[in-house]
PDB file of N, CA and C in Angstrom:
ATOM      1  N   MET A   1      -3.168 -11.493  11.354  1.00  0.00           N
ATOM      2  CA  MET A   1      -2.803 -11.720  10.122  1.00  0.00           C
ATOM      3  C   MET A   1      -3.087 -10.432   9.140  1.00  0.00           C
ATOM      4  N   ILE A   2      -3.941  -9.971   9.124  1.00  0.00           N
ATOM      5  CA  ILE A   2      -4.583  -8.926   7.991  1.00  0.00           C
ATOM      6  C   ILE A   2      -3.616  -7.794   8.410  1.00  0.00           C
ATOM      7  N   THR A   3      -3.163  -7.611   9.718  1.00  0.00           N
ATOM      8  CA  THR A   3      -2.367  -6.246   9.651  1.00  0.00           C
ATOM      9  C   THR A   3      -0.971  -6.487   9.214  1.00  0.00           C
ATOM     10  N   LYS A   4      -0.400  -7.714   8.811  1.00  0.00           N
ATOM     11  CA  LYS A   4       0.798  -8.115   8.242  1.00  0.00           C
ATOM     12  C   LYS A   4       0.372  -7.887   6.853  1.00  0.00           C
ATOM     13  N   ILE A   5      -0.856  -8.141   6.284  1.00  0.00           N
ATOM     14  CA  ILE A   5      -1.146  -7.766   5.210  1.00  0.00           C
ATOM     15  C   ILE A   5      -1.028  -6.395   4.694  1.00  0.00           C
ATOM     16  N   TYR A   6      -1.445  -5.703   5.340  1.00  0.00           N
ATOM     17  CA  TYR A   6      -1.584  -4.311   5.235  1.00  0.00           C
ATOM     18  C   TYR A   6      -0.256  -3.410   5.494  1.00  0.00           C
ATOM     19  N   TRP A   7       0.581  -4.187   6.175  1.00  0.00           N
ATOM     20  CA  TRP A   7       1.821  -3.435   6.197  1.00  0.00           C
ATOM     21  C   TRP A   7       2.936  -3.955   5.204  1.00  0.00           C
ATOM     22  N   ALA A   8       2.340  -5.376   4.582  1.00  0.00           N
ATOM     23  CA  ALA A   8       3.230  -5.772   3.586  1.00  0.00           C
ATOM     24  C   ALA A   8       2.733  -4.933   2.163  1.00  0.00           C
ATOM     25  N   THR A   9       1.382  -4.520   2.034  1.00  0.00           N
ATOM     26  CA  THR A   9       1.050  -3.827   0.802  1.00  0.00           C
ATOM     27  C   THR A   9       1.658  -2.081   1.150  1.00  0.00           C
ATOM     28  N   ARG A  10       1.769  -1.729   2.152  1.00  0.00           N
ATOM     29  CA  ARG A  10       2.223  -0.332   2.471  1.00  0.00           C
ATOM     30  C   ARG A  10       3.835  -0.295   1.828  1.00  0.00           C
ATOM     31  N   ILE A  11       4.395  -1.541   2.364  1.00  0.00           N
ATOM     32  CA  ILE A  11       6.202  -1.456   2.026  1.00  0.00           C
ATOM     33  C   ILE A  11       5.906  -1.589   0.717  1.00  0.00           C
ATOM     34  N   LEU A  12       5.431  -2.516  -0.367  1.00  0.00           N
ATOM     35  CA  LEU A  12       5.517  -2.834  -1.531  1.00  0.00           C
ATOM     36  C   LEU A  12       4.655  -1.184  -2.231  1.00  0.00           C
ATOM     37  N   GLY A  13       4.145  -0.593  -1.744  1.00  0.00           N
ATOM     38  CA  GLY A  13       3.665   0.758  -2.159  1.00  0.00           C
ATOM     39  C   GLY A  13       5.139   1.607  -2.200  1.00  0.00           C
ATOM     40  N   TYR A  14       5.860   1.892  -1.196  1.00  0.00           N
ATOM     41  CA  TYR A  14       6.877   2.707  -0.831  1.00  0.00           C
ATOM     42  C   TYR A  14       7.783   2.292  -1.772  1.00  0.00           C
ATOM     43  N   LEU A  15       8.195   0.530  -2.067  1.00  0.00           N
ATOM     44  CA  LEU A  15       9.111   0.465  -3.000  1.00  0.00           C
ATOM     45  C   LEU A  15       8.657   0.245  -4.445  1.00  0.00           C
ATOM     46  N   GLY A  16       7.436   0.268  -5.018  1.00  0.00           N
ATOM     47  CA  GLY A  16       7.139   0.643  -6.060  1.00  0.00           C
ATOM     48  C   GLY A  16       7.401   1.647  -6.508  1.00  0.00           C
ATOM     49  N   CYS A  17       6.764   2.572  -5.954  1.00  0.00           N
ATOM     50  CA  CYS A  17       6.824   4.021  -6.217  1.00  0.00           C
ATOM     51  C   CYS A  17       8.408   5.000  -6.445  1.00  0.00           C
ATOM     52  N   LEU A  18       9.072   4.331  -5.208  1.00  0.00           N
ATOM     53  CA  LEU A  18      10.391   4.840  -5.053  1.00  0.00           C
ATOM     54  C   LEU A  18      11.544   4.168  -6.209  1.00  0.00           C
ATOM     55  N   GLY A  19      11.368   3.188  -6.429  1.00  0.00           N
ATOM     56  CA  GLY A  19      11.938   2.281  -7.507  1.00  0.00           C
ATOM     57  C   GLY A  19      11.420   2.823  -8.898  1.00  0.00           C
ATOM     58  N   GLY A  20      10.096   3.015  -8.844  1.00  0.00           N
ATOM     59  CA  GLY A  20       9.901   3.522 -10.401  1.00  0.00           C
ATOM     60  C   GLY A  20      10.430   5.002 -10.401  1.00  0.00           C
ATOM     61  N   VAL A  21      10.254   5.945  -9.637  1.00  0.00           N
ATOM     62  CA  VAL A  21      10.910   7.259  -9.795  1.00  0.00           C
ATOM     63  C   VAL A  21      12.093   7.288  -9.811  1.00  0.00           C
ATOM     64  N   PHE A  22      13.096   6.451  -9.188  1.00  0.00           N
ATOM     65  CA  PHE A  22      14.508   6.566  -9.677  1.00  0.00           C
ATOM     66  C   PHE A  22      14.941   5.958 -10.911  1.00  0.00           C
ATOM     67  N   LEU A  23      13.964   4.801 -11.010  1.00  0.00           N
ATOM     68  CA  LEU A  23      14.254   4.263 -12.381  1.00  0.00           C
ATOM     69  C   LEU A  23      13.979   5.268 -13.591  1.00  0.00           C
ATOM     70  N   HIS A  24      12.686   6.012 -13.517  1.00  0.00           N
ATOM     71  CA  HIS A  24      12.365   7.134 -14.366  1.00  0.00           C
ATOM     72  C   HIS A  24      13.477   8.261 -14.401  1.00  0.00           C
ATOM     73  N   LEU A  25      13.870   8.474 -13.144  1.00  0.00           N
ATOM     74  CA  LEU A  25      15.066   9.928 -13.395  1.00  0.00           C
ATOM     75  C   LEU A  25      16.344   9.524 -13.908  1.00  0.00           C
ATOM     76  N   HIS A  26      16.685   8.236 -13.696  1.00  0.00           N
ATOM     77  CA  HIS A  26      17.729   7.816 -14.083  1.00  0.00           C
ATOM     78  C   HIS A  26      17.989   7.532 -15.356  1.00  0.00           C
ATOM     79  N   HIS A  27      16.667   7.164 -16.080  1.00  0.00           N
ATOM     80  CA  HIS A  27      16.928   7.027 -17.455  1.00  0.00           C
ATOM     81  C   HIS A  27      16.311   8.318 -18.576  1.00  0.00           C
ATOM     82  N   MET A  28      16.245   9.454 -17.738  1.00  0.00           N
ATOM     83  CA  MET A  28      15.691  10.557 -18.472  1.00  0.00           C
ATOM     84  C   MET A  28      16.561  11.105 -19.202  1.00  0.00           C
ATOM     85  N   GLN A  29      17.926  11.253 -19.159  1.00  0.00           N
ATOM     86  CA  GLN A  29      18.913  11.437 -20.321  1.00  0.00           C
ATOM     87  C   GLN A  29      19.332  10.271 -21.175  1.00  0.00           C
ATOM     88  N   ALA A  30      18.794   9.382 -21.353  1.00  0.00           N
ATOM     89  CA  ALA A  30      18.811   8.125 -22.158  1.00  0.00           C
ATOM     90  C   ALA A  30      18.472   8.888 -23.989  1.00  0.00           C
ATOM     91  N   ALA A  31      19.170   8.170 -24.520  1.00  0.00           N
ATOM     92  CA  ALA A  31      18.885   8.398 -25.982  1.00  0.00           C
ATOM     93  C   ALA A  31      17.256   7.937 -26.662  1.00  0.00           C
ATOM     94  N   ASP A  32      17.094   6.581 -25.939  1.00  0.00           N
ATOM     95  CA  ASP A  32      16.050   6.066 -26.256  1.00  0.00           C
ATOM     96  C   ASP A  32      14.924   6.482 -25.238  1.00  0.00           C
ATOM     97  N   PRO A  33      13.386   7.404 -25.624  1.00  0.00           N
ATOM     98  CA  PRO A  33      12.856   7.764 -25.101  1.00  0.00           C
ATOM     99  C   PRO A  33      11.914   6.534 -24.250  1.00  0.00           C
ATOM    100  N   ARG A  34      11.745   5.742 -24.842  1.00  0.00           N
ATOM    101  CA  ARG A  34      11.137   4.480 -24.230  1.00  0.00           C
ATOM    102  C   ARG A  34      11.753   4.016 -22.993  1.00  0.00           C
ATOM    103  N   VAL A  35      13.081   4.210 -22.915  1.00  0.00           N
ATOM    104  CA  VAL A  35      13.614   3.668 -21.460  1.00  0.00           C
ATOM    105  C   VAL A  35      13.240   4.656 -20.679  1.00  0.00           C
ATOM    106  N   ALA A  36      13.153   5.731 -20.316  1.00  0.00           N
ATOM    107  CA  ALA A  36      12.707   6.356 -19.489  1.00  0.00           C
ATOM    108  C   ALA A  36      11.344   6.086 -19.029  1.00  0.00           C
ATOM    109  N   ASN A  37      10.582   5.710 -19.939  1.00  0.00           N
ATOM    110  CA  ASN A  37       9.373   5.099 -19.300  1.00  0.00           C
ATOM    111  C   ASN A  37       9.127   3.895 -18.638  1.00  0.00           C
ATOM    112  N   TYR A  38      10.292   3.338 -18.592  1.00  0.00           N
ATOM    113  CA  TYR A  38      10.208   1.841 -17.730  1.00  0.00           C
ATOM    114  C   TYR A  38       9.625   2.213 -16.191  1.00  0.00           C
ATOM    115  N   GLY A  39      10.099   3.138 -15.516  1.00  0.00           N
ATOM    116  CA  GLY A  39       9.637   3.208 -14.507  1.00  0.00           C
ATOM    117  C   GLY A  39       8.224   3.968 -14.196  1.00  0.00           C
ATOM    118  N   ILE A  40       7.311   4.224 -15.316  1.00  0.00           N
ATOM    119  CA  ILE A  40       6.126   4.526 -15.038  1.00  0.00           C
ATOM    120  C   ILE A  40       5.193   3.519 -14.631  1.00  0.00           C
ATOM    121  N   PRO A  41       5.192   2.142 -15.098  1.00  0.00           N
ATOM    122  CA  PRO A  41       4.251   1.165 -14.485  1.00  0.00           C
ATOM    123  C   PRO A  41       4.861   0.894 -12.781  1.00  0.00           C
ATOM    124  N   LEU A  42       5.789   0.750 -12.716  1.00  0.00           N
ATOM    125  CA  LEU A  42       6.112   0.861 -11.068  1.00  0.00           C
ATOM    126  C   LEU A  42       5.551   1.644 -10.364  1.00  0.00           C
ATOM    127  N   ILE A  43       5.533   3.044 -10.724  1.00  0.00           N
ATOM    128  CA  ILE A  43       4.678   4.169  -9.866  1.00  0.00           C
ATOM    129  C   ILE A  43       3.360   3.623  -9.946  1.00  0.00           C
ATOM    130  N   GLY A  44       2.826   3.268 -10.864  1.00  0.00           N
ATOM    131  CA  GLY A  44       1.325   2.918 -10.972  1.00  0.00           C
ATOM    132  C   GLY A  44       0.873   1.605 -10.301  1.00  0.00           C
ATOM    133  N   ALA A  45       1.912   0.639 -10.128  1.00  0.00           N
ATOM    134  CA  ALA A  45       1.998  -0.546  -9.370  1.00  0.00           C
ATOM    135  C   ALA A  45       1.730   0.071  -7.614  1.00  0.00           C
ATOM    136  N   GLY A  46       2.724   0.972  -7.578  1.00  0.00           N
ATOM    137  CA  GLY A  46       3.085   1.378  -6.102  1.00  0.00           C
ATOM    138  C   GLY A  46       1.670   2.311  -5.819  1.00  0.00           C
ATOM    139  N   PHE A  47       1.038   3.156  -6.568  1.00  0.00           N
ATOM    140  CA  PHE A  47      -0.300   3.512  -6.521  1.00  0.00           C
ATOM    141  C   PHE A  47      -1.143   2.465  -6.095  1.00  0.00           C
ATOM    142  N   ILE A  48      -1.505   1.421  -6.897  1.00  0.00           N
ATOM    143  CA  ILE A  48      -2.391   0.425  -6.573  1.00  0.00           C
ATOM    144  C   ILE A  48      -2.202  -0.289  -5.223  1.00  0.00           C
ATOM    145  N   PHE A  49      -0.940  -0.542  -4.734  1.00  0.00           N
ATOM    146  CA  PHE A  49      -0.400  -1.184  -3.683  1.00  0.00           C
ATOM    147  C   PHE A  49      -1.168  -0.060  -2.477  1.00  0.00           C
ATOM    148  N   PHE A  50      -0.941   1.228  -2.917  1.00  0.00           N
ATOM    149  CA  PHE A  50      -1.389   1.906  -1.669  1.00  0.00           C
ATOM    150  C   PHE A  50      -3.002   2.247  -1.640  1.00  0.00           C
ATOM    151  N   PHE A  51      -3.330   2.195  -2.638  1.00  0.00           N
ATOM    152  CA  PHE A  51      -5.038   1.970  -2.317  1.00  0.00           C
ATOM    153  C   PHE A  51      -5.285   0.368  -1.941  1.00  0.00           C
ATOM    154  N   ALA A  52      -4.774  -0.612  -2.225  1.00  0.00           N
ATOM    155  CA  ALA A  52      -4.821  -1.815  -1.337  1.00  0.00           C
ATOM    156  C   ALA A  52      -4.754  -1.415   0.122  1.00  0.00           C
ATOM    157  N   SER A  53      -3.707  -1.060   0.354  1.00  0.00           N
ATOM    158  CA  SER A  53      -3.586  -1.002   1.820  1.00  0.00           C
ATOM    159  C   SER A  53      -4.418   0.115   2.522  1.00  0.00           C
ATOM    160  N   TYR A  54      -4.915   0.994   1.932  1.00  0.00           N
ATOM    161  CA  TYR A  54      -6.141   1.855   2.493  1.00  0.00           C
ATOM    162  C   TYR A  54      -7.428   1.293   2.453  1.00  0.00           C
ATOM    163  N   ALA A  55      -7.432   0.489   1.784  1.00  0.00           N
ATOM    164  CA  ALA A  55      -8.864  -0.487   1.655  1.00  0.00           C
ATOM    165  C   ALA A  55      -8.803  -1.573   2.985  1.00  0.00           C
ATOM    166  N   ILE A  56      -7.719  -1.922   3.031  1.00  0.00           N
ATOM    167  CA  ILE A  56      -7.256  -3.021   4.284  1.00  0.00           C
ATOM    168  C   ILE A  56      -7.389  -2.436   5.493  1.00  0.00           C
ATOM    169  N   ARG A  57      -6.886  -0.915   5.278  1.00  0.00           N
ATOM    170  CA  ARG A  57      -6.994  -0.259   6.601  1.00  0.00           C
ATOM    171  C   ARG A  57      -8.262   0.105   7.048  1.00  0.00           C
ATOM    172  N   ALA A  58      -8.969   0.505   6.018  1.00  0.00           N
ATOM    173  CA  ALA A  58     -10.592   0.862   6.377  1.00  0.00           C
ATOM    174  C   ALA A  58     -11.522  -0.557   6.841  1.00  0.00           C
ATOM    175  N   TRP A  59     -10.957  -1.459   6.225  1.00  0.00           N
ATOM    176  CA  TRP A  59     -11.806  -3.068   6.592  1.00  0.00           C
ATOM    177  C   TRP A  59     -11.213  -3.436   7.990  1.00  0.00           C
ATOM    178  N   ILE A  60      -9.897  -3.016   8.231  1.00  0.00           N
ATOM    179  CA  ILE A  60      -9.385  -3.373   9.627  1.00  0.00           C
ATOM    180  C   ILE A  60     -10.249  -2.270  10.758  1.00  0.00           C
ATOM    181  N   ARG A  61     -10.303  -1.125  10.421  1.00  0.00           N
ATOM    182  CA  ARG A  61     -11.104  -0.261  11.498  1.00  0.00           C
ATOM    183  C   ARG A  61     -12.577  -0.300  11.354  1.00  0.00           C
ATOM    184  N   LEU A  62     -13.103  -0.807  10.470  1.00  0.00           N
ATOM    185  CA  LEU A  62     -14.563  -0.439  10.220  1.00  0.00           C
ATOM    186  C   LEU A  62     -15.238  -1.980  10.486  1.00  0.00           C
ATOM    187  N   ALA A  63     -14.545  -3.111  10.265  1.00  0.00           N
ATOM    188  CA  ALA A  63     -14.718  -4.679  10.511  1.00  0.00           C
ATOM    189  C   ALA A  63     -15.776  -4.648  11.643  1.00  0.00           C
ATOM    190  N   PRO A  64     -16.964  -5.495  11.678  1.00  0.00           N
ATOM    191  CA  PRO A  64     -17.182  -5.697  12.954  1.00  0.00           C
ATOM    192  C   PRO A  64     -16.350  -6.651  13.774  1.00  0.00           C
ATOM    193  N   ARG A  65     -16.424  -6.271  15.130  1.00  0.00           N
ATOM    194  CA  ARG A  65     -15.437  -7.159  15.969  1.00  0.00           C
ATOM    195  C   ARG A  65     -16.495  -8.381  16.453  1.00  0.00           C
ATOM    196  N   PRO A  66     -15.783  -9.204  16.994  1.00  0.00           N
ATOM    197  CA  PRO A  66     -16.411 -10.444  17.810  1.00  0.00           C
ATOM    198  C   PRO A  66     -16.916  -9.881  19.055  1.00  0.00           C
ATOM    199  N   PRO A  67     -18.041 -10.589  19.481  1.00  0.00           N
ATOM    200  CA  PRO A  67     -18.377  -9.920  21.116  1.00  0.00           C
ATOM    201  C   PRO A  67     -17.502 -10.428  21.941  1.00  0.00           C
ATOM    202  N   SER A  68     -17.194  -9.614  23.006  1.00  0.00           N
ATOM    203  CA  SER A  68     -16.509  -9.783  24.438  1.00  0.00           C
ATOM    204  C   SER A  68     -17.034 -11.080  25.148  1.00  0.00           C
ATOM    205  N   ASP A  69     -15.981 -12.103  25.668  1.00  0.00           N
ATOM    206  CA  ASP A  69     -16.550 -12.617  26.603  1.00  0.00           C
ATOM    207  C   ASP A  69     -16.800 -11.986  28.022  1.00  0.00           C
ATOM    208  N   ASP A  70     -16.376 -10.839  28.405  1.00  0.00           N
ATOM    209  CA  ASP A  70     -16.262 -10.211  29.326  1.00  0.00           C
ATOM    210  C   ASP A  70     -17.835 -10.176  29.801  1.00  0.00           C
ATOM    211  N   PRO A  71     -18.103  -9.897  30.911  1.00  0.00           N
ATOM    212  CA  PRO A  71     -19.720  -9.391  31.255  1.00  0.00           C
ATOM    213  C   PRO A  71     -19.508  -8.139  31.410  1.00  0.00           C
ATOM    214  N   PRO A  72     -20.833  -7.650  31.181  1.00  0.00           N
ATOM    215  CA  PRO A  72     -21.116  -6.210  30.977  1.00  0.00           C
ATOM    216  C   PRO A  72     -20.902  -5.685  32.326  1.00  0.00           C
ATOM    217  N   PRO A  73     -20.877  -4.321  32.364  1.00  0.00           N
ATOM    218  CA  PRO A  73     -20.391  -3.464  33.684  1.00  0.00           C
ATOM    219  C   PRO A  73     -21.691  -3.321  34.093  1.00  0.00           C
ATOM    220  N   PRO A  74     -21.930  -3.638  35.634  1.00  0.00           N
ATOM    221  CA  PRO A  74     -22.774  -3.335  36.164  1.00  0.00           C
ATOM    222  C   PRO A  74     -23.751  -2.034  36.239  1.00  0.00           C
ATOM    223  N   ALA A  75     -25.145  -1.994  36.007  1.00  0.00           N
ATOM    224  CA  ALA A  75     -25.592  -0.645  35.995  1.00  0.00           C
ATOM    225  C   ALA A  75     -25.897  -0.208  37.265  1.00  0.00           C
ATOM    226  N   GLU A  76     -25.757   1.126  37.275  1.00  0.00           N
ATOM    227  CA  GLU A  76     -25.756   1.979  38.416  1.00  0.00           C
ATOM    228  C   GLU A  76     -27.173   2.350  38.633  1.00  0.00           C
TER     229      GLU A  76
END
């Protein structure tokens, strides 16, 4: 389940940053300079999603795992 959340945050990060960059660049030639800044919050949201995905990835890698039910290997 946590892996699905990780991938969802990664995809949202990519979409947010990509959409924000396209929106910002598309409106760069607009007469109203405020319109060009509409993409900046999307880029910021994309970075927040990327940060969350990296935190989830660290949690997946560093979280303690439940003990295995397999018997330990015999000692030599």
